[in-house]
Amino acid sequence: MNKTKDIFITGFALFSMFFGAGNLILPPFLGKNAGYSWSLVTLGFFLTAVIIPILGILAHARLQGTMYDFGKKVSPIFSTTYCLIVYVISIALPAPRTASVTHEMAIQPYFDVSSLVTSTLYFMLVFIFVMNRTKVLSLLGRFLTPLIIIILLAIIFIGMFSATETITPSIFKTPFIDGILEGYQTFDAIGAVVVGGVLVISMNFNKSTSFEQKKELITKAGFIAGLGLLIIYTGLIYNGALFSSTFTEKATRTDVLSSLSTQTLGNIGTVFLSILVALACFTTAVGIITGTADYFKGLLKNSKNAYLVTAIVGCVLGVVMGQFDVHYIINIALPALMFIYPITIVLILLNVIPKKWASALVFKAVILITFIFSIPDFLGFIVSKESLTGIKDLIPLANYHLGWVLPAILSFIIANLIQKNSSLTKS
């Protein structure tokens, strides 16, 4: 096949993987709250919602393995525990959120149905598709993403040239940091680790293609996917800012996207977008629960019962959590994200840098320090903030929920110096 064509096909596949329906509701809301500071918010959001996930794919291209391989240099126990936690979080938060987004965008505006009924019917259908694997979802996915992109580009360009309202002041004290933290909510770094390996390994590479050629293909495809995400995210954030004065003060993330769609495309366009978002949400939920069920099936010696039980548990959790509104699910996700995201980011970075700087010692030291210094951020959303004020004041950036960053960098440098001295001593 043509090399350029391969790159674009792979880039589009990566874009489709990261651009889930849940991601749609985040950028416009950021723009609404950022106002004149929309550019700083965009930079922060781009860091955690695009750059880190794409680096995760590059790390997978190097490892050519599974999610387990990301943490095996720390220890087998750590890697297994990390995988378990990530999969539990996946079926408990992002999967149910798809049902909540579907209810708020595609059901609630048009039907007088409770969210519990929506989530119940939704995950009954999810369970049927998980237990009866079909190509329908892949076919839907192939057409859904281009259609959603076309509608979003229409919203972005119409909005840019039709907005007449005044951009409101920012409600953020630290727009760049707020953009970073909102990027956590995309779950894309976790997505890169979970399904990136499956995507990379399953790509239809020519058997004669060398490792370096594969790496070049993934790198260029990653750049294309990242550029696509940057255009869409920037456009949605900018439009959220342009129309910020038209949204109500208490408008939710789904309210903002729906209102933006109505103001640019009219009611028919909004209905069409709602249907596409609902279908995209559904494919995402099926993918998450199927992937999790596959993992536990493999973990328990290819047990079909393990697959069934995991699918049931995932769907029951989906019904329970999916009945809550999107804002509530995002809020309760914060503690889990503050715990798992720093570790995920560090694992991605350590697996993508040159191996000479990422020995087993470096992995152990940096992961341990990252875990310890992310605890105050995790606890900050569980206990009263006042009880942690003293500790957070002692840790640089801790008051911005990034207290793990500088300690992780320092531990990386120190561990590498120790490793280098040890090597010199042995020689």
Protein backbone atom coordinates (compact mmCIF):
# COMPACT_ATOMS: atom_id res chain seq x y z
CA MET A 1 0.00 0.00 0.00
CA ASN A 2 0.97 3.63 -0.48
CA LYS A 3 3.01 4.88 2.49
CA THR A 4 1.22 8.24 2.67
CA LYS A 5 -2.15 6.52 2.54
CA ASP A 6 -1.10 4.19 5.38
CA ILE A 7 -0.12 7.20 7.49
CA PHE A 8 -3.45 8.97 6.97
CA ILE A 9 -5.50 5.80 7.57
CA THR A 10 -3.59 5.14 10.80
CA GLY A 11 -3.89 8.79 11.84
CA PHE A 12 -7.66 8.73 11.32
CA ALA A 13 -7.91 5.49 13.34
CA LEU A 14 -6.03 7.15 16.23
CA PHE A 15 -8.22 10.25 16.00
CA SER A 16 -11.36 8.10 16.13
CA MET A 17 -10.06 6.24 19.18
CA PHE A 18 -9.47 9.41 21.19
CA PHE A 19 -12.40 11.48 20.02
CA GLY A 20 -15.15 9.96 22.13
CA ALA A 21 -18.59 11.50 22.52
CA GLY A 22 -17.85 12.46 26.13
CA ASN A 23 -15.00 14.67 24.90
CA LEU A 24 -17.47 16.80 22.95
CA ILE A 25 -19.05 18.30 26.04
CA LEU A 26 -15.80 19.40 27.69
CA PRO A 27 -14.22 22.02 25.34
CA PRO A 28 -17.23 24.36 24.82
CA PHE A 29 -17.84 24.47 28.59
CA LEU A 30 -14.17 25.34 29.13
CA GLY A 31 -14.48 28.15 26.61
CA LYS A 32 -17.63 29.45 28.32
CA ASN A 33 -15.83 29.69 31.66
CA ALA A 34 -12.49 30.85 30.24
CA GLY A 35 -13.83 33.83 28.27
CA TYR A 36 -10.89 36.02 27.21
CA SER A 37 -8.45 33.44 28.64
CA TRP A 38 -9.58 30.75 26.18
CA SER A 39 -6.11 30.44 24.59
CA LEU A 40 -4.40 29.60 27.91
CA VAL A 41 -7.12 27.06 28.72
CA THR A 42 -6.63 25.52 25.28
CA LEU A 43 -2.88 25.06 25.89
CA GLY A 44 -3.51 23.30 29.21
CA PHE A 45 -6.27 21.12 27.80
CA PHE A 46 -4.13 20.21 24.79
CA LEU A 47 -1.33 19.04 27.09
CA THR A 48 -3.37 16.38 28.92
CA ALA A 49 -6.07 15.67 26.31
CA VAL A 50 -3.83 15.36 23.23
CA ILE A 51 -0.05 15.36 23.79
CA ILE A 52 0.06 12.83 26.66
CA PRO A 53 -2.37 10.39 24.94
CA ILE A 54 -0.42 10.56 21.65
CA LEU A 55 2.80 9.91 23.58
CA GLY A 56 1.00 6.90 25.07
CA ILE A 57 0.51 5.53 21.54
CA LEU A 58 4.18 6.14 20.75
CA ALA A 59 5.11 4.26 23.94
CA HIS A 60 2.93 1.34 22.79
CA ALA A 61 4.65 1.42 19.40
CA ARG A 62 7.97 0.99 21.18
CA LEU A 63 6.80 -1.69 23.62
CA GLN A 64 4.72 -3.68 21.12
CA GLY A 65 2.98 -5.30 24.09
CA THR A 66 -0.02 -4.84 26.40
CA MET A 67 -0.96 -2.42 29.17
CA TYR A 68 0.78 -4.77 31.61
CA ASP A 69 4.11 -3.96 29.93
CA PHE A 70 3.80 -0.29 30.89
CA GLY A 71 4.48 -0.98 34.56
CA LYS A 72 6.42 -4.26 34.55
CA LYS A 73 9.73 -2.47 35.24
CA VAL A 74 8.31 -1.39 38.59
CA SER A 75 7.17 -4.90 39.54
CA PRO A 76 4.71 -7.57 38.34
CA ILE A 77 2.48 -6.92 41.37
CA PHE A 78 2.39 -3.18 40.68
CA SER A 79 1.62 -3.70 37.00
CA THR A 80 -1.21 -6.15 37.69
CA THR A 81 -2.68 -3.88 40.39
CA TYR A 82 -2.43 -0.86 38.07
CA CYS A 83 -4.26 -2.75 35.30
CA LEU A 84 -7.02 -3.81 37.70
CA ILE A 85 -7.52 -0.27 39.01
CA VAL A 86 -7.63 1.22 35.51
CA TYR A 87 -10.22 -1.30 34.30
CA VAL A 88 -12.39 -0.83 37.40
CA ILE A 89 -12.28 2.95 36.93
CA SER A 90 -13.12 2.53 33.24
CA ILE A 91 -16.34 0.58 33.83
CA ALA A 92 -17.33 2.64 36.89
CA LEU A 93 -16.94 6.15 35.44
CA PRO A 94 -16.41 6.80 31.70
CA ALA A 95 -18.73 3.95 30.62
CA PRO A 96 -21.69 5.16 32.76
CA ARG A 97 -20.97 8.74 31.68
CA THR A 98 -21.87 7.76 28.11
CA ALA A 99 -25.39 6.86 29.29
CA SER A 100 -25.67 10.15 31.17
CA VAL A 101 -24.54 12.16 28.12
CA THR A 102 -27.03 10.23 25.96
CA HIS A 103 -29.88 10.99 28.36
CA GLU A 104 -29.08 14.71 28.65
CA MET A 105 -28.50 15.31 24.93
CA ALA A 106 -30.73 12.81 23.10
CA ILE A 107 -33.53 11.76 25.50
CA GLN A 108 -34.31 14.41 28.11
CA PRO A 109 -34.92 17.30 25.62
CA TYR A 110 -37.48 15.28 23.67
CA PHE A 111 -39.01 12.63 25.98
CA ASP A 112 -40.42 12.68 29.52
CA VAL A 113 -38.35 9.72 30.72
CA SER A 114 -36.33 9.39 33.92
CA SER A 115 -32.56 8.95 33.74
CA LEU A 116 -32.90 5.58 35.53
CA VAL A 117 -35.10 4.25 32.73
CA THR A 118 -32.64 5.54 30.13
CA SER A 119 -29.59 4.01 31.82
CA THR A 120 -31.40 0.69 32.38
CA LEU A 121 -32.48 0.32 28.75
CA TYR A 122 -29.14 1.66 27.56
CA PHE A 123 -27.04 -0.90 29.43
CA MET A 124 -29.43 -3.74 28.61
CA LEU A 125 -28.60 -3.04 24.97
CA VAL A 126 -24.90 -2.68 25.82
CA PHE A 127 -24.97 -6.11 27.49
CA ILE A 128 -26.59 -7.70 24.41
CA PHE A 129 -23.89 -6.26 22.14
CA VAL A 130 -21.07 -7.23 24.54
CA MET A 131 -22.31 -10.83 24.67
CA ASN A 132 -22.91 -10.99 20.91
CA ARG A 133 -19.90 -9.44 19.27
CA THR A 134 -20.82 -7.95 15.96
CA LYS A 135 -19.32 -5.89 13.16
CA VAL A 136 -22.24 -3.45 13.36
CA LEU A 137 -20.41 -1.31 15.92
CA SER A 138 -17.24 -1.07 13.83
CA LEU A 139 -19.34 -0.12 10.80
CA LEU A 140 -21.20 2.50 12.85
CA GLY A 141 -17.91 3.82 14.16
CA ARG A 142 -16.51 4.10 10.64
CA PHE A 143 -19.34 6.44 9.59
CA LEU A 144 -20.09 8.14 12.92
CA THR A 145 -16.75 9.85 13.38
CA PRO A 146 -16.69 11.56 9.95
CA LEU A 147 -20.31 12.74 10.38
CA ILE A 148 -19.65 14.15 13.85
CA ILE A 149 -16.49 15.88 12.58
CA ILE A 150 -18.42 17.47 9.70
CA ILE A 151 -21.11 18.77 12.08
CA LEU A 152 -18.53 20.07 14.55
CA LEU A 153 -16.57 21.86 11.83
CA ALA A 154 -19.84 23.42 10.66
CA ILE A 155 -20.57 24.60 14.23
CA ILE A 156 -17.03 25.98 14.59
CA PHE A 157 -16.88 27.91 11.29
CA ILE A 158 -20.45 29.19 11.40
CA GLY A 159 -19.91 30.25 15.01
CA MET A 160 -16.65 32.06 14.23
CA PHE A 161 -18.30 34.21 11.57
CA SER A 162 -21.72 34.70 13.13
CA ALA A 163 -20.99 35.44 16.79
CA THR A 164 -21.96 39.01 17.69
CA GLU A 165 -21.99 38.75 21.47
CA THR A 166 -19.29 40.04 23.81
CA ILE A 167 -16.82 37.56 25.27
CA THR A 168 -17.18 37.45 29.05
CA PRO A 169 -14.33 37.67 31.58
CA SER A 170 -12.73 34.42 32.76
CA ILE A 171 -13.95 32.80 35.96
CA PHE A 172 -10.63 30.92 36.25
CA LYS A 173 -7.81 32.20 38.44
CA THR A 174 -5.32 29.89 36.70
CA PRO A 175 -6.69 29.16 33.20
CA PHE A 176 -3.72 27.03 32.09
CA ILE A 177 -3.99 24.77 35.16
CA ASP A 178 -7.77 24.50 34.82
CA GLY A 179 -7.28 23.43 31.22
CA ILE A 180 -4.84 20.71 32.33
CA LEU A 181 -7.23 19.36 34.96
CA GLU A 182 -10.24 19.41 32.63
CA GLY A 183 -8.12 17.39 30.20
CA TYR A 184 -8.03 14.63 32.82
CA GLN A 185 -11.79 14.23 32.32
CA THR A 186 -11.33 13.06 28.73
CA PHE A 187 -9.78 9.86 30.15
CA ASP A 188 -7.66 9.83 26.97
CA ALA A 189 -4.34 9.11 28.68
CA ILE A 190 -5.98 6.07 30.26
CA GLY A 191 -7.55 5.26 26.88
CA ALA A 192 -4.12 5.34 25.24
CA VAL A 193 -2.79 2.83 27.76
CA VAL A 194 -5.88 0.57 27.66
CA VAL A 195 -6.61 0.26 23.95
CA GLY A 196 -3.47 1.73 22.39
CA GLY A 197 -1.67 -1.57 22.52
CA VAL A 198 -4.56 -3.39 20.88
CA LEU A 199 -4.74 -0.75 18.15
CA VAL A 200 -1.02 -0.66 17.43
CA ILE A 201 -0.54 -4.42 17.41
CA SER A 202 -3.64 -5.08 15.34
CA MET A 203 -2.69 -2.61 12.60
CA ASN A 204 -2.28 -4.23 9.23
CA PHE A 205 1.46 -3.78 8.88
CA ASN A 206 3.34 -5.47 6.10
CA LYS A 207 5.33 -8.36 7.57
CA SER A 208 8.46 -7.07 5.87
CA THR A 209 8.11 -3.66 7.55
CA SER A 210 10.94 -3.01 9.99
CA PHE A 211 10.50 -1.82 13.57
CA GLU A 212 11.85 1.65 12.69
CA GLN A 213 9.45 1.94 9.75
CA LYS A 214 6.54 1.04 12.04
CA LYS A 215 7.73 3.59 14.56
CA GLU A 216 7.91 6.28 11.85
CA LEU A 217 4.41 5.40 10.68
CA ILE A 218 2.96 5.65 14.20
CA THR A 219 4.82 8.91 14.88
CA LYS A 220 3.52 10.64 11.75
CA ALA A 221 0.02 9.20 12.25
CA GLY A 222 0.10 10.46 15.83
CA PHE A 223 0.99 13.93 14.59
CA ILE A 224 -2.00 13.86 12.19
CA ALA A 225 -4.37 12.66 14.93
CA GLY A 226 -3.02 15.28 17.34
CA LEU A 227 -3.42 18.04 14.76
CA GLY A 228 -7.03 16.99 14.14
CA LEU A 229 -7.81 16.99 17.85
CA LEU A 230 -6.15 20.38 18.28
CA ILE A 231 -8.28 21.92 15.51
CA ILE A 232 -11.56 20.54 16.89
CA TYR A 233 -10.76 21.27 20.54
CA THR A 234 -9.48 24.79 19.82
CA GLY A 235 -12.51 25.56 17.67
CA LEU A 236 -14.99 24.34 20.30
CA ILE A 237 -13.22 26.16 23.15
CA TYR A 238 -13.05 29.36 21.08
CA ASN A 239 -16.74 29.14 20.16
CA GLY A 240 -17.62 28.50 23.80
CA ALA A 241 -15.84 31.76 24.58
CA LEU A 242 -17.42 33.66 21.65
CA PHE A 243 -20.94 32.70 22.75
CA SER A 244 -20.17 32.78 26.50
CA SER A 245 -22.60 35.62 27.22
CA THR A 246 -25.50 33.67 25.66
CA PHE A 247 -25.30 30.75 28.08
CA THR A 248 -27.05 30.78 31.44
CA GLU A 249 -24.86 30.97 34.50
CA LYS A 250 -25.85 27.45 35.62
CA ALA A 251 -25.59 25.86 32.14
CA THR A 252 -24.09 22.35 32.29
CA ARG A 253 -21.55 20.92 29.85
CA THR A 254 -24.28 19.28 27.76
CA ASP A 255 -26.41 22.45 27.91
CA VAL A 256 -23.54 24.50 26.47
CA LEU A 257 -22.89 22.08 23.59
CA SER A 258 -26.62 21.85 22.76
CA SER A 259 -27.05 25.62 22.91
CA LEU A 260 -23.99 26.20 20.75
CA SER A 261 -25.32 23.70 18.21
CA THR A 262 -28.77 25.34 18.15
CA GLN A 263 -27.32 28.85 17.70
CA THR A 264 -25.18 27.79 14.75
CA LEU A 265 -27.05 24.92 13.05
CA GLY A 266 -30.63 25.43 14.22
CA ASN A 267 -32.95 22.88 15.81
CA ILE A 268 -32.63 20.26 13.06
CA GLY A 269 -28.84 20.29 13.30
CA THR A 270 -29.05 19.91 17.09
CA VAL A 271 -31.36 16.88 16.79
CA PHE A 272 -29.02 15.26 14.26
CA LEU A 273 -25.98 15.92 16.47
CA SER A 274 -27.81 14.47 19.50
CA ILE A 275 -28.55 11.22 17.64
CA LEU A 276 -24.95 10.86 16.46
CA VAL A 277 -23.59 11.60 19.95
CA ALA A 278 -25.93 8.96 21.43
CA LEU A 279 -24.71 6.34 18.94
CA ALA A 280 -21.08 7.29 19.51
CA CYS A 281 -21.61 7.06 23.28
CA PHE A 282 -23.08 3.60 22.84
CA THR A 283 -20.12 2.29 20.82
CA THR A 284 -17.76 3.71 23.47
CA ALA A 285 -19.62 1.95 26.30
CA VAL A 286 -19.63 -1.37 24.45
CA GLY A 287 -15.91 -1.00 23.72
CA ILE A 288 -15.02 -0.26 27.36
CA ILE A 289 -17.01 -3.14 28.84
CA THR A 290 -15.90 -5.60 26.15
CA GLY A 291 -12.25 -4.65 26.68
CA THR A 292 -12.57 -5.00 30.46
CA ALA A 293 -14.34 -8.36 30.14
CA ASP A 294 -11.62 -9.56 27.77
CA TYR A 295 -8.95 -8.59 30.32
CA PHE A 296 -10.52 -10.51 33.20
CA LYS A 297 -11.22 -13.44 30.91
CA GLY A 298 -7.52 -13.62 30.04
CA LEU A 299 -6.47 -13.04 33.63
CA LEU A 300 -8.53 -16.03 34.76
CA LYS A 301 -7.21 -18.53 32.19
CA ASN A 302 -9.60 -17.74 29.35
CA SER A 303 -12.67 -18.27 31.53
CA LYS A 304 -15.98 -17.63 29.75
CA ASN A 305 -17.66 -17.22 33.14
CA ALA A 306 -15.21 -14.42 33.98
CA TYR A 307 -16.22 -12.64 30.77
CA LEU A 308 -19.94 -13.04 31.59
CA VAL A 309 -19.60 -11.91 35.21
CA THR A 310 -17.47 -8.88 34.23
CA ALA A 311 -20.02 -7.88 31.56
CA ILE A 312 -22.87 -8.16 34.10
CA VAL A 313 -21.00 -6.19 36.77
CA GLY A 314 -20.02 -3.52 34.21
CA CYS A 315 -23.60 -3.10 33.02
CA VAL A 316 -25.05 -3.04 36.55
CA LEU A 317 -22.50 -0.37 37.51
CA GLY A 318 -23.50 1.46 34.34
CA VAL A 319 -27.17 1.47 35.34
CA VAL A 320 -26.40 2.63 38.88
CA MET A 321 -23.94 5.38 37.91
CA GLY A 322 -25.48 6.28 34.55
CA GLN A 323 -28.69 7.58 36.14
CA PHE A 324 -26.78 10.52 37.64
CA ASP A 325 -26.21 13.70 35.64
CA VAL A 326 -22.94 14.30 33.81
CA HIS A 327 -21.84 17.03 36.22
CA TYR A 328 -22.18 14.67 39.20
CA ILE A 329 -20.23 11.87 37.50
CA ILE A 330 -17.46 14.30 36.55
CA ASN A 331 -17.24 15.52 40.15
CA ILE A 332 -17.03 12.04 41.70
CA ALA A 333 -14.46 11.06 39.05
CA LEU A 334 -12.05 13.74 40.27
CA PRO A 335 -10.59 11.81 43.25
CA ALA A 336 -10.01 8.72 41.09
CA LEU A 337 -8.41 10.82 38.35
CA MET A 338 -6.18 12.66 40.82
CA PHE A 339 -4.97 9.25 41.98
CA ILE A 340 -4.51 7.36 38.70
CA TYR A 341 -3.74 10.12 36.17
CA PRO A 342 -0.35 11.25 37.56
CA ILE A 343 0.84 7.62 37.63
CA THR A 344 -0.47 7.06 34.10
CA ILE A 345 1.24 10.21 32.79
CA VAL A 346 4.54 9.20 34.39
CA LEU A 347 4.31 5.64 33.02
CA ILE A 348 3.69 7.01 29.52
CA LEU A 349 6.63 9.43 29.71
CA LEU A 350 9.02 6.83 31.12
CA ASN A 351 8.10 4.39 28.37
CA VAL A 352 8.58 6.93 25.60
CA ILE A 353 11.96 8.43 26.60
CA PRO A 354 15.30 6.75 25.68
CA LYS A 355 15.76 3.49 27.58
CA LYS A 356 19.13 4.59 29.01
CA TRP A 357 17.21 7.11 31.15
CA ALA A 358 14.44 4.71 32.14
CA SER A 359 15.97 1.81 34.03
CA ALA A 360 14.03 -0.32 36.51
CA LEU A 361 15.48 1.82 39.33
CA VAL A 362 14.21 5.00 37.69
CA PHE A 363 10.76 3.48 37.17
CA LYS A 364 10.52 2.38 40.81
CA ALA A 365 11.74 5.70 42.22
CA VAL A 366 9.63 8.01 40.05
CA ILE A 367 6.42 5.98 40.39
CA LEU A 368 6.81 5.76 44.17
CA ILE A 369 7.42 9.50 44.54
CA THR A 370 4.58 10.34 42.15
CA PHE A 371 2.21 8.14 44.14
CA ILE A 372 3.24 9.68 47.49
CA PHE A 373 2.98 13.30 46.32
CA SER A 374 -0.34 12.78 44.53
CA ILE A 375 -1.99 11.60 47.78
CA PRO A 376 -2.77 15.17 49.00
CA ASP A 377 -4.48 15.90 45.64
CA PHE A 378 -6.49 12.70 45.95
CA LEU A 379 -7.46 13.39 49.58
CA GLY A 380 -8.29 17.00 48.76
CA PHE A 381 -11.52 15.84 47.10
CA ILE A 382 -12.47 13.48 49.96
CA VAL A 383 -11.64 15.28 53.21
CA SER A 384 -11.93 18.98 54.06
CA LYS A 385 -9.39 21.15 52.26
CA GLU A 386 -8.57 22.99 55.48
CA SER A 387 -7.10 19.83 57.03
CA LEU A 388 -4.57 19.59 54.16
CA THR A 389 -3.63 23.27 53.96
CA GLY A 390 -0.41 22.84 55.97
CA ILE A 391 0.82 19.93 53.86
CA LYS A 392 -0.09 21.55 50.55
CA ASP A 393 1.67 24.80 51.47
CA LEU A 394 4.91 22.83 51.84
CA ILE A 395 4.68 21.17 48.40
CA PRO A 396 5.27 23.32 45.29
CA LEU A 397 2.23 23.43 42.96
CA ALA A 398 0.17 21.33 45.41
CA ASN A 399 -2.42 24.07 45.73
CA TYR A 400 -2.95 23.70 41.98
CA HIS A 401 -3.42 19.91 42.28
CA LEU A 402 -0.03 19.32 40.64
CA GLY A 403 2.06 18.66 43.74
CA TRP A 404 3.51 15.49 42.21
CA VAL A 405 5.15 17.18 39.20
CA LEU A 406 8.36 18.67 40.68
CA PRO A 407 9.04 15.72 43.05
CA ALA A 408 8.66 13.34 40.09
CA ILE A 409 11.14 15.36 38.01
CA LEU A 410 13.64 15.51 40.91
CA SER A 411 13.33 11.79 41.63
CA PHE A 412 13.91 11.11 37.91
CA ILE A 413 17.13 13.16 37.94
CA ILE A 414 18.41 11.68 41.23
CA ALA A 415 17.63 8.09 40.24
CA ASN A 416 19.47 8.55 36.95
CA LEU A 417 22.50 10.01 38.73
CA ILE A 418 22.55 7.03 41.13
CA GLN A 419 22.17 4.65 38.19
CA LYS A 420 25.03 6.33 36.33
CA ASN A 421 27.35 6.27 39.37
CA SER A 422 26.51 2.63 39.95
CA SER A 423 27.39 1.79 36.35
CA LEU A 424 30.70 3.69 36.59
CA THR A 425 31.59 1.90 39.84
CA LYS A 426 30.94 -1.52 38.30
CA SER A 427 33.03 -0.70 35.23
